[in-house]
Amino acid sequence: MPNSICDFCSSPNVTWVYPARTFAAYIFEGIVGESVGDWAACPICHSLIESGRQTELAERSLVTLLERQPEMKSAERELRTHIRSFHTMFFQNRVGSAITIG
């Protein structure tokens, strides 16, 4: 998985892949955004997933997003809701155990 980033926090240190079905992540004004296949994870996000700490996973995702995009801070509450929703869909569409790649 060259040039991958963590699908949860965008870390470039991807060491795990979670097999997942493709699913519609959102529909906005008739446009469907899909999550296509497997999700990549860094060691920290992998640890949060494996230990069932979904709230912490969502917060990590939000914090790292806002660090990269500080202009989005005013939408923090809405972003948190969307991130939790995306993660819920990931867990519903996950089809196997994590596979180490690094």
PDB file of N, CA and C in Angstrom:
ATOM      1  N   MET A   1       0.842  -1.181   0.000  1.00  0.00           N
ATOM      2  CA  MET A   1       0.000   0.000   0.000  1.00  0.00           C
ATOM      3  C   MET A   1       0.890   1.249   0.000  1.00  0.00           C
ATOM      4  N   PRO A   2       1.628   1.493  -1.050  1.00  0.00           N
ATOM      5  CA  PRO A   2       2.537   2.628  -1.113  1.00  0.00           C
ATOM      6  C   PRO A   2       1.795   3.959  -1.087  1.00  0.00           C
ATOM      7  N   ASN A   3       2.439   4.940  -0.471  1.00  0.00           N
ATOM      8  CA  ASN A   3       1.914   6.298  -0.407  1.00  0.00           C
ATOM      9  C   ASN A   3       0.566   6.397   0.299  1.00  0.00           C
ATOM     10  N   SER A   4       0.260   5.471   1.191  1.00  0.00           N
ATOM     11  CA  SER A   4      -0.998   5.502   1.928  1.00  0.00           C
ATOM     12  C   SER A   4      -0.888   6.384   3.152  1.00  0.00           C
ATOM     13  N   ILE A   5      -2.045   6.851   3.560  1.00  0.00           N
ATOM     14  CA  ILE A   5      -2.149   7.538   4.841  1.00  0.00           C
ATOM     15  C   ILE A   5      -3.239   6.837   5.635  1.00  0.00           C
ATOM     16  N   CYS A   6      -3.195   7.010   6.931  1.00  0.00           N
ATOM     17  CA  CYS A   6      -4.207   6.429   7.802  1.00  0.00           C
ATOM     18  C   CYS A   6      -5.570   7.023   7.448  1.00  0.00           C
ATOM     19  N   ASP A   7      -6.549   6.170   7.238  1.00  0.00           N
ATOM     20  CA  ASP A   7      -7.894   6.634   6.902  1.00  0.00           C
ATOM     21  C   ASP A   7      -8.622   7.238   8.100  1.00  0.00           C
ATOM     22  N   PHE A   8      -8.030   7.163   9.265  1.00  0.00           N
ATOM     23  CA  PHE A   8      -8.637   7.722  10.463  1.00  0.00           C
ATOM     24  C   PHE A   8      -8.011   9.060  10.851  1.00  0.00           C
ATOM     25  N   CYS A   9      -6.683   9.148  10.828  1.00  0.00           N
ATOM     26  CA  CYS A   9      -6.012  10.366  11.301  1.00  0.00           C
ATOM     27  C   CYS A   9      -5.088  11.011  10.277  1.00  0.00           C
ATOM     28  N   SER A  10      -4.917  10.378   9.131  1.00  0.00           N
ATOM     29  CA  SER A  10      -4.059  10.861   8.039  1.00  0.00           C
ATOM     30  C   SER A  10      -2.563  10.764   8.326  1.00  0.00           C
ATOM     31  N   SER A  11      -2.180   9.994   9.333  1.00  0.00           N
ATOM     32  CA  SER A  11      -0.753   9.752   9.570  1.00  0.00           C
ATOM     33  C   SER A  11      -0.164   9.008   8.381  1.00  0.00           C
ATOM     34  N   PRO A  12       1.070   9.342   8.001  1.00  0.00           N
ATOM     35  CA  PRO A  12       1.710   8.608   6.901  1.00  0.00           C
ATOM     36  C   PRO A  12       2.275   7.253   7.337  1.00  0.00           C
ATOM     37  N   ASN A  13       2.179   6.942   8.614  1.00  0.00           N
ATOM     38  CA  ASN A  13       2.765   5.728   9.174  1.00  0.00           C
ATOM     39  C   ASN A  13       1.743   4.583   9.191  1.00  0.00           C
ATOM     40  N   VAL A  14       1.318   4.136   8.020  1.00  0.00           N
ATOM     41  CA  VAL A  14       0.327   3.060   7.915  1.00  0.00           C
ATOM     42  C   VAL A  14       1.010   1.709   8.102  1.00  0.00           C
ATOM     43  N   THR A  15       0.481   0.928   9.042  1.00  0.00           N
ATOM     44  CA  THR A  15       1.030  -0.400   9.295  1.00  0.00           C
ATOM     45  C   THR A  15      -0.040  -1.494   9.296  1.00  0.00           C
ATOM     46  N   TRP A  16      -1.297  -1.102   9.160  1.00  0.00           N
ATOM     47  CA  TRP A  16      -2.400  -2.054   9.204  1.00  0.00           C
ATOM     48  C   TRP A  16      -3.417  -1.730   8.122  1.00  0.00           C
ATOM     49  N   VAL A  17      -4.119  -2.760   7.664  1.00  0.00           N
ATOM     50  CA  VAL A  17      -5.235  -2.603   6.730  1.00  0.00           C
ATOM     51  C   VAL A  17      -6.409  -3.407   7.281  1.00  0.00           C
ATOM     52  N   TYR A  18      -7.577  -2.775   7.263  1.00  0.00           N
ATOM     53  CA  TYR A  18      -8.808  -3.439   7.674  1.00  0.00           C
ATOM     54  C   TYR A  18      -9.660  -3.738   6.446  1.00  0.00           C
ATOM     55  N   PRO A  19      -9.900  -5.014   6.155  1.00  0.00           N
ATOM     56  CA  PRO A  19     -10.770  -5.345   5.027  1.00  0.00           C
ATOM     57  C   PRO A  19     -12.175  -4.792   5.284  1.00  0.00           C
ATOM     58  N   ALA A  20     -12.747  -4.172   4.256  1.00  0.00           N
ATOM     59  CA  ALA A  20     -14.087  -3.593   4.398  1.00  0.00           C
ATOM     60  C   ALA A  20     -14.806  -3.595   3.060  1.00  0.00           C
ATOM     61  N   ARG A  21     -16.130  -3.684   3.145  1.00  0.00           N
ATOM     62  CA  ARG A  21     -16.962  -3.565   1.948  1.00  0.00           C
ATOM     63  C   ARG A  21     -17.013  -2.097   1.518  1.00  0.00           C
ATOM     64  N   THR A  22     -17.217  -1.876   0.246  1.00  0.00           N
ATOM     65  CA  THR A  22     -17.475  -0.531  -0.269  1.00  0.00           C
ATOM     66  C   THR A  22     -18.876  -0.120   0.184  1.00  0.00           C
ATOM     67  N   PHE A  23     -19.022   1.135   0.605  1.00  0.00           N
ATOM     68  CA  PHE A  23     -20.336   1.616   1.039  1.00  0.00           C
ATOM     69  C   PHE A  23     -20.498   3.096   0.712  1.00  0.00           C
ATOM     70  N   ALA A  24     -21.755   3.527   0.622  1.00  0.00           N
ATOM     71  CA  ALA A  24     -22.058   4.943   0.414  1.00  0.00           C
ATOM     72  C   ALA A  24     -21.855   5.658   1.743  1.00  0.00           C
ATOM     73  N   ALA A  25     -20.892   6.566   1.792  1.00  0.00           N
ATOM     74  CA  ALA A  25     -20.573   7.271   3.026  1.00  0.00           C
ATOM     75  C   ALA A  25     -21.448   8.499   3.224  1.00  0.00           C
ATOM     76  N   TYR A  26     -21.858   9.119   2.121  1.00  0.00           N
ATOM     77  CA  TYR A  26     -22.750  10.273   2.215  1.00  0.00           C
ATOM     78  C   TYR A  26     -23.405  10.511   0.860  1.00  0.00           C
ATOM     79  N   ILE A  27     -24.536  11.208   0.921  1.00  0.00           N
ATOM     80  CA  ILE A  27     -25.216  11.665  -0.286  1.00  0.00           C
ATOM     81  C   ILE A  27     -25.507  13.139  -0.067  1.00  0.00           C
ATOM     82  N   PHE A  28     -25.005  13.968  -0.962  1.00  0.00           N
ATOM     83  CA  PHE A  28     -25.191  15.411  -0.842  1.00  0.00           C
ATOM     84  C   PHE A  28     -25.589  15.957  -2.197  1.00  0.00           C
ATOM     85  N   GLU A  29     -26.795  16.526  -2.244  1.00  0.00           N
ATOM     86  CA  GLU A  29     -27.326  17.097  -3.484  1.00  0.00           C
ATOM     87  C   GLU A  29     -27.188  16.130  -4.658  1.00  0.00           C
ATOM     88  N   GLY A  30     -27.545  14.874  -4.402  1.00  0.00           N
ATOM     89  CA  GLY A  30     -27.533  13.868  -5.448  1.00  0.00           C
ATOM     90  C   GLY A  30     -26.174  13.252  -5.753  1.00  0.00           C
ATOM     91  N   ILE A  31     -25.133  13.694  -5.052  1.00  0.00           N
ATOM     92  CA  ILE A  31     -23.794  13.154  -5.255  1.00  0.00           C
ATOM     93  C   ILE A  31     -23.520  12.146  -4.139  1.00  0.00           C
ATOM     94  N   VAL A  32     -23.116  10.947  -4.545  1.00  0.00           N
ATOM     95  CA  VAL A  32     -22.832   9.896  -3.572  1.00  0.00           C
ATOM     96  C   VAL A  32     -21.323   9.815  -3.363  1.00  0.00           C
ATOM     97  N   GLY A  33     -20.908   9.928  -2.117  1.00  0.00           N
ATOM     98  CA  GLY A  33     -19.503   9.734  -1.764  1.00  0.00           C
ATOM     99  C   GLY A  33     -19.335   8.336  -1.215  1.00  0.00           C
ATOM    100  N   GLU A  34     -18.423   7.586  -1.798  1.00  0.00           N
ATOM    101  CA  GLU A  34     -18.239   6.205  -1.390  1.00  0.00           C
ATOM    102  C   GLU A  34     -16.940   6.004  -0.627  1.00  0.00           C
ATOM    103  N   SER A  35     -16.993   5.078   0.297  1.00  0.00           N
ATOM    104  CA  SER A  35     -15.787   4.534   0.896  1.00  0.00           C
ATOM    105  C   SER A  35     -15.526   3.245   0.131  1.00  0.00           C
ATOM    106  N   VAL A  36     -14.391   3.193  -0.539  1.00  0.00           N
ATOM    107  CA  VAL A  36     -14.109   2.067  -1.429  1.00  0.00           C
ATOM    108  C   VAL A  36     -13.126   1.104  -0.775  1.00  0.00           C
ATOM    109  N   GLY A  37     -13.639  -0.054  -0.382  1.00  0.00           N
ATOM    110  CA  GLY A  37     -12.784  -1.134   0.099  1.00  0.00           C
ATOM    111  C   GLY A  37     -12.104  -0.891   1.434  1.00  0.00           C
ATOM    112  N   ASP A  38     -10.903  -1.443   1.528  1.00  0.00           N
ATOM    113  CA  ASP A  38     -10.148  -1.504   2.779  1.00  0.00           C
ATOM    114  C   ASP A  38      -9.823  -0.120   3.348  1.00  0.00           C
ATOM    115  N   TRP A  39      -9.646  -0.096   4.681  1.00  0.00           N
ATOM    116  CA  TRP A  39      -9.247   1.113   5.385  1.00  0.00           C
ATOM    117  C   TRP A  39      -7.849   0.899   5.957  1.00  0.00           C
ATOM    118  N   ALA A  40      -6.986   1.883   5.782  1.00  0.00           N
ATOM    119  CA  ALA A  40      -5.624   1.841   6.310  1.00  0.00           C
ATOM    120  C   ALA A  40      -5.613   2.442   7.713  1.00  0.00           C
ATOM    121  N   ALA A  41      -4.700   1.945   8.553  1.00  0.00           N
ATOM    122  CA  ALA A  41      -4.606   2.461   9.920  1.00  0.00           C
ATOM    123  C   ALA A  41      -3.151   2.539  10.371  1.00  0.00           C
ATOM    124  N   CYS A  42      -2.853   3.593  11.106  1.00  0.00           N
ATOM    125  CA  CYS A  42      -1.544   3.739  11.742  1.00  0.00           C
ATOM    126  C   CYS A  42      -1.560   2.925  13.039  1.00  0.00           C
ATOM    127  N   PRO A  43      -0.408   2.756  13.686  1.00  0.00           N
ATOM    128  CA  PRO A  43      -0.375   1.966  14.925  1.00  0.00           C
ATOM    129  C   PRO A  43      -1.290   2.514  16.035  1.00  0.00           C
ATOM    130  N   ILE A  44      -1.370   3.822  16.169  1.00  0.00           N
ATOM    131  CA  ILE A  44      -2.199   4.399  17.240  1.00  0.00           C
ATOM    132  C   ILE A  44      -3.678   4.146  16.977  1.00  0.00           C
ATOM    133  N   CYS A  45      -4.134   4.420  15.756  1.00  0.00           N
ATOM    134  CA  CYS A  45      -5.543   4.187  15.437  1.00  0.00           C
ATOM    135  C   CYS A  45      -5.875   2.700  15.506  1.00  0.00           C
ATOM    136  N   HIS A  46      -4.956   1.859  15.049  1.00  0.00           N
ATOM    137  CA  HIS A  46      -5.157   0.409  15.149  1.00  0.00           C
ATOM    138  C   HIS A  46      -5.371   0.004  16.612  1.00  0.00           C
ATOM    139  N   SER A  47      -4.550   0.533  17.492  1.00  0.00           N
ATOM    140  CA  SER A  47      -4.676   0.217  18.915  1.00  0.00           C
ATOM    141  C   SER A  47      -6.038   0.655  19.462  1.00  0.00           C
ATOM    142  N   LEU A  48      -6.495   1.841  19.069  1.00  0.00           N
ATOM    143  CA  LEU A  48      -7.798   2.339  19.524  1.00  0.00           C
ATOM    144  C   LEU A  48      -8.930   1.461  18.990  1.00  0.00           C
ATOM    145  N   ILE A  49      -8.826   1.045  17.734  1.00  0.00           N
ATOM    146  CA  ILE A  49      -9.844   0.175  17.138  1.00  0.00           C
ATOM    147  C   ILE A  49      -9.881  -1.169  17.862  1.00  0.00           C
ATOM    148  N   GLU A  50      -8.713  -1.769  18.039  1.00  0.00           N
ATOM    149  CA  GLU A  50      -8.636  -3.100  18.644  1.00  0.00           C
ATOM    150  C   GLU A  50      -9.089  -3.113  20.099  1.00  0.00           C
ATOM    151  N   SER A  51      -8.935  -1.993  20.795  1.00  0.00           N
ATOM    152  CA  SER A  51      -9.348  -1.936  22.194  1.00  0.00           C
ATOM    153  C   SER A  51     -10.764  -1.377  22.362  1.00  0.00           C
ATOM    154  N   GLY A  52     -11.470  -1.151  21.237  1.00  0.00           N
ATOM    155  CA  GLY A  52     -12.864  -0.716  21.301  1.00  0.00           C
ATOM    156  C   GLY A  52     -13.062   0.718  21.748  1.00  0.00           C
ATOM    157  N   ARG A  53     -12.043   1.536  21.620  1.00  0.00           N
ATOM    158  CA  ARG A  53     -12.110   2.921  22.092  1.00  0.00           C
ATOM    159  C   ARG A  53     -12.528   3.853  20.940  1.00  0.00           C
ATOM    160  N   GLN A  54     -13.768   3.672  20.502  1.00  0.00           N
ATOM    161  CA  GLN A  54     -14.263   4.393  19.338  1.00  0.00           C
ATOM    162  C   GLN A  54     -14.387   5.898  19.573  1.00  0.00           C
ATOM    163  N   THR A  55     -14.742   6.316  20.773  1.00  0.00           N
ATOM    164  CA  THR A  55     -14.832   7.748  21.064  1.00  0.00           C
ATOM    165  C   THR A  55     -13.459   8.386  20.957  1.00  0.00           C
ATOM    166  N   GLU A  56     -12.437   7.720  21.491  1.00  0.00           N
ATOM    167  CA  GLU A  56     -11.071   8.245  21.405  1.00  0.00           C
ATOM    168  C   GLU A  56     -10.575   8.254  19.962  1.00  0.00           C
ATOM    169  N   LEU A  57     -10.968   7.257  19.187  1.00  0.00           N
ATOM    170  CA  LEU A  57     -10.602   7.202  17.781  1.00  0.00           C
ATOM    171  C   LEU A  57     -11.188   8.407  17.038  1.00  0.00           C
ATOM    172  N   ALA A  58     -12.452   8.698  17.290  1.00  0.00           N
ATOM    173  CA  ALA A  58     -13.095   9.844  16.639  1.00  0.00           C
ATOM    174  C   ALA A  58     -12.438  11.148  17.058  1.00  0.00           C
ATOM    175  N   GLU A  59     -12.111  11.275  18.337  1.00  0.00           N
ATOM    176  CA  GLU A  59     -11.461  12.506  18.806  1.00  0.00           C
ATOM    177  C   GLU A  59     -10.078  12.663  18.187  1.00  0.00           C
ATOM    178  N   ARG A  60      -9.338  11.570  18.076  1.00  0.00           N
ATOM    179  CA  ARG A  60      -8.020  11.633  17.424  1.00  0.00           C
ATOM    180  C   ARG A  60      -8.176  12.097  15.980  1.00  0.00           C
ATOM    181  N   SER A  61      -9.148  11.535  15.287  1.00  0.00           N
ATOM    182  CA  SER A  61      -9.400  11.921  13.899  1.00  0.00           C
ATOM    183  C   SER A  61      -9.733  13.408  13.799  1.00  0.00           C
ATOM    184  N   LEU A  62     -10.585  13.875  14.702  1.00  0.00           N
ATOM    185  CA  LEU A  62     -10.982  15.281  14.693  1.00  0.00           C
ATOM    186  C   LEU A  62      -9.804  16.202  14.994  1.00  0.00           C
ATOM    187  N   VAL A  63      -9.036  15.879  16.022  1.00  0.00           N
ATOM    188  CA  VAL A  63      -7.892  16.717  16.413  1.00  0.00           C
ATOM    189  C   VAL A  63      -6.876  16.816  15.284  1.00  0.00           C
ATOM    190  N   THR A  64      -6.565  15.692  14.662  1.00  0.00           N
ATOM    191  CA  THR A  64      -5.564  15.734  13.597  1.00  0.00           C
ATOM    192  C   THR A  64      -6.097  16.475  12.373  1.00  0.00           C
ATOM    193  N   LEU A  65      -7.398  16.364  12.100  1.00  0.00           N
ATOM    194  CA  LEU A  65      -7.996  17.125  11.008  1.00  0.00           C
ATOM    195  C   LEU A  65      -7.887  18.624  11.278  1.00  0.00           C
ATOM    196  N   LEU A  66      -8.232  19.036  12.493  1.00  0.00           N
ATOM    197  CA  LEU A  66      -8.192  20.463  12.826  1.00  0.00           C
ATOM    198  C   LEU A  66      -6.763  21.003  12.894  1.00  0.00           C
ATOM    199  N   GLU A  67      -5.802  20.148  13.204  1.00  0.00           N
ATOM    200  CA  GLU A  67      -4.405  20.584  13.163  1.00  0.00           C
ATOM    201  C   GLU A  67      -3.981  20.902  11.730  1.00  0.00           C
ATOM    202  N   ARG A  68      -4.461  20.121  10.782  1.00  0.00           N
ATOM    203  CA  ARG A  68      -4.124  20.334   9.369  1.00  0.00           C
ATOM    204  C   ARG A  68      -4.980  21.416   8.722  1.00  0.00           C
ATOM    205  N   GLN A  69      -6.189  21.590   9.227  1.00  0.00           N
ATOM    206  CA  GLN A  69      -7.160  22.527   8.651  1.00  0.00           C
ATOM    207  C   GLN A  69      -7.751  23.416   9.749  1.00  0.00           C
ATOM    208  N   PRO A  70      -6.958  24.281  10.367  1.00  0.00           N
ATOM    209  CA  PRO A  70      -7.458  25.076  11.494  1.00  0.00           C
ATOM    210  C   PRO A  70      -8.636  25.983  11.135  1.00  0.00           C
ATOM    211  N   GLU A  71      -8.777  26.304   9.873  1.00  0.00           N
ATOM    212  CA  GLU A  71      -9.900  27.148   9.462  1.00  0.00           C
ATOM    213  C   GLU A  71     -11.246  26.430   9.623  1.00  0.00           C
ATOM    214  N   MET A  72     -11.225  25.137   9.869  1.00  0.00           N
ATOM    215  CA  MET A  72     -12.452  24.357  10.054  1.00  0.00           C
ATOM    216  C   MET A  72     -12.904  24.303  11.520  1.00  0.00           C
ATOM    217  N   LYS A  73     -12.168  24.935  12.396  1.00  0.00           N
ATOM    218  CA  LYS A  73     -12.455  24.892  13.840  1.00  0.00           C
ATOM    219  C   LYS A  73     -13.894  25.309  14.157  1.00  0.00           C
ATOM    220  N   SER A  74     -14.428  26.260  13.411  1.00  0.00           N
ATOM    221  CA  SER A  74     -15.792  26.731  13.686  1.00  0.00           C
ATOM    222  C   SER A  74     -16.841  25.643  13.424  1.00  0.00           C
ATOM    223  N   ALA A  75     -16.484  24.632  12.668  1.00  0.00           N
ATOM    224  CA  ALA A  75     -17.402  23.537  12.362  1.00  0.00           C
ATOM    225  C   ALA A  75     -17.093  22.283  13.191  1.00  0.00           C
ATOM    226  N   GLU A  76     -16.366  22.444  14.288  1.00  0.00           N
ATOM    227  CA  GLU A  76     -15.903  21.298  15.073  1.00  0.00           C
ATOM    228  C   GLU A  76     -17.032  20.357  15.490  1.00  0.00           C
ATOM    229  N   ARG A  77     -18.122  20.882  15.975  1.00  0.00           N
ATOM    230  CA  ARG A  77     -19.232  20.033  16.439  1.00  0.00           C
ATOM    231  C   ARG A  77     -19.796  19.199  15.291  1.00  0.00           C
ATOM    232  N   GLU A  78     -20.022  19.834  14.152  1.00  0.00           N
ATOM    233  CA  GLU A  78     -20.551  19.131  12.984  1.00  0.00           C
ATOM    234  C   GLU A  78     -19.549  18.098  12.462  1.00  0.00           C
ATOM    235  N   LEU A  79     -18.275  18.464  12.439  1.00  0.00           N
ATOM    236  CA  LEU A  79     -17.237  17.530  12.000  1.00  0.00           C
ATOM    237  C   LEU A  79     -17.186  16.306  12.897  1.00  0.00           C
ATOM    238  N   ARG A  80     -17.292  16.522  14.212  1.00  0.00           N
ATOM    239  CA  ARG A  80     -17.283  15.399  15.164  1.00  0.00           C
ATOM    240  C   ARG A  80     -18.424  14.432  14.842  1.00  0.00           C
ATOM    241  N   THR A  81     -19.597  14.982  14.579  1.00  0.00           N
ATOM    242  CA  THR A  81     -20.759  14.156  14.254  1.00  0.00           C
ATOM    243  C   THR A  81     -20.510  13.353  12.981  1.00  0.00           C
ATOM    244  N   HIS A  82     -19.969  14.003  11.954  1.00  0.00           N
ATOM    245  CA  HIS A  82     -19.705  13.312  10.692  1.00  0.00           C
ATOM    246  C   HIS A  82     -18.631  12.237  10.850  1.00  0.00           C
ATOM    247  N   ILE A  83     -17.580  12.538  11.574  1.00  0.00           N
ATOM    248  CA  ILE A  83     -16.511  11.558  11.787  1.00  0.00           C
ATOM    249  C   ILE A  83     -17.059  10.330  12.514  1.00  0.00           C
ATOM    250  N   ARG A  84     -17.836  10.554  13.560  1.00  0.00           N
ATOM    251  CA  ARG A  84     -18.428   9.413  14.281  1.00  0.00           C
ATOM    252  C   ARG A  84     -19.325   8.592  13.365  1.00  0.00           C
ATOM    253  N   SER A  85     -20.068   9.269  12.504  1.00  0.00           N
ATOM    254  CA  SER A  85     -20.939   8.568  11.560  1.00  0.00           C
ATOM    255  C   SER A  85     -20.117   7.729  10.576  1.00  0.00           C
ATOM    256  N   PHE A  86     -19.043   8.300  10.025  1.00  0.00           N
ATOM    257  CA  PHE A  86     -18.184   7.556   9.105  1.00  0.00           C
ATOM    258  C   PHE A  86     -17.566   6.348   9.791  1.00  0.00           C
ATOM    259  N   HIS A  87     -17.127   6.544  11.031  1.00  0.00           N
ATOM    260  CA  HIS A  87     -16.521   5.427  11.766  1.00  0.00           C
ATOM    261  C   HIS A  87     -17.549   4.332  12.032  1.00  0.00           C
ATOM    262  N   THR A  88     -18.781   4.717  12.368  1.00  0.00           N
ATOM    263  CA  THR A  88     -19.836   3.728  12.581  1.00  0.00           C
ATOM    264  C   THR A  88     -20.044   2.900  11.324  1.00  0.00           C
ATOM    265  N   MET A  89     -20.061   3.581  10.171  1.00  0.00           N
ATOM    266  CA  MET A  89     -20.220   2.861   8.898  1.00  0.00           C
ATOM    267  C   MET A  89     -19.030   1.938   8.633  1.00  0.00           C
ATOM    268  N   PHE A  90     -17.823   2.398   8.990  1.00  0.00           N
ATOM    269  CA  PHE A  90     -16.646   1.536   8.854  1.00  0.00           C
ATOM    270  C   PHE A  90     -16.834   0.255   9.666  1.00  0.00           C
ATOM    271  N   PHE A  91     -17.209   0.395  10.937  1.00  0.00           N
ATOM    272  CA  PHE A  91     -17.361  -0.782  11.788  1.00  0.00           C
ATOM    273  C   PHE A  91     -18.471  -1.701  11.279  1.00  0.00           C
ATOM    274  N   GLN A  92     -19.522  -1.133  10.707  1.00  0.00           N
ATOM    275  CA  GLN A  92     -20.611  -1.946  10.162  1.00  0.00           C
ATOM    276  C   GLN A  92     -20.187  -2.688   8.892  1.00  0.00           C
ATOM    277  N   ASN A  93     -19.216  -2.145   8.176  1.00  0.00           N
ATOM    278  CA  ASN A  93     -18.810  -2.716   6.891  1.00  0.00           C
ATOM    279  C   ASN A  93     -17.455  -3.416   6.930  1.00  0.00           C
ATOM    280  N   ARG A  94     -16.862  -3.468   8.075  1.00  0.00           N
ATOM    281  CA  ARG A  94     -15.608  -4.196   8.247  1.00  0.00           C
ATOM    282  C   ARG A  94     -15.876  -5.684   8.070  1.00  0.00           C
ATOM    283  N   VAL A  95     -15.021  -6.366   7.308  1.00  0.00           N
ATOM    284  CA  VAL A  95     -15.297  -7.775   6.987  1.00  0.00           C
ATOM    285  C   VAL A  95     -14.200  -8.730   7.444  1.00  0.00           C
ATOM    286  N   GLY A  96     -13.322  -8.275   8.281  1.00  0.00           N
ATOM    287  CA  GLY A  96     -12.282  -9.183   8.744  1.00  0.00           C
ATOM    288  C   GLY A  96     -11.336  -8.510   9.710  1.00  0.00           C
ATOM    289  N   SER A  97     -10.393  -9.281  10.164  1.00  0.00           N
ATOM    290  CA  SER A  97      -9.384  -8.773  11.092  1.00  0.00           C
ATOM    291  C   SER A  97      -8.364  -7.923  10.363  1.00  0.00           C
ATOM    292  N   ALA A  98      -7.705  -7.072  11.124  1.00  0.00           N
ATOM    293  CA  ALA A  98      -6.645  -6.227  10.564  1.00  0.00           C
ATOM    294  C   ALA A  98      -5.506  -7.095  10.046  1.00  0.00           C
ATOM    295  N   ILE A  99      -4.908  -6.631   8.964  1.00  0.00           N
ATOM    296  CA  ILE A  99      -3.774  -7.308   8.344  1.00  0.00           C
ATOM    297  C   ILE A  99      -2.578  -6.374   8.455  1.00  0.00           C
ATOM    298  N   THR A 100      -1.483  -6.863   9.009  1.00  0.00           N
ATOM    299  CA  THR A 100      -0.303  -6.029   9.149  1.00  0.00           C
ATOM    300  C   THR A 100       0.393  -5.865   7.790  1.00  0.00           C
ATOM    301  N   ILE A 101       0.864  -4.658   7.536  1.00  0.00           N
ATOM    302  CA  ILE A 101       1.574  -4.407   6.286  1.00  0.00           C
ATOM    303  C   ILE A 101       2.937  -3.791   6.541  1.00  0.00           C
ATOM    304  N   GLY A 102       3.265  -3.578   7.811  1.00  0.00           N
ATOM    305  CA  GLY A 102       4.543  -2.949   8.093  1.00  0.00           C
ATOM    306  C   GLY A 102       5.204  -3.495   9.305  1.00  0.00           C
TER     307      GLY A 102
END
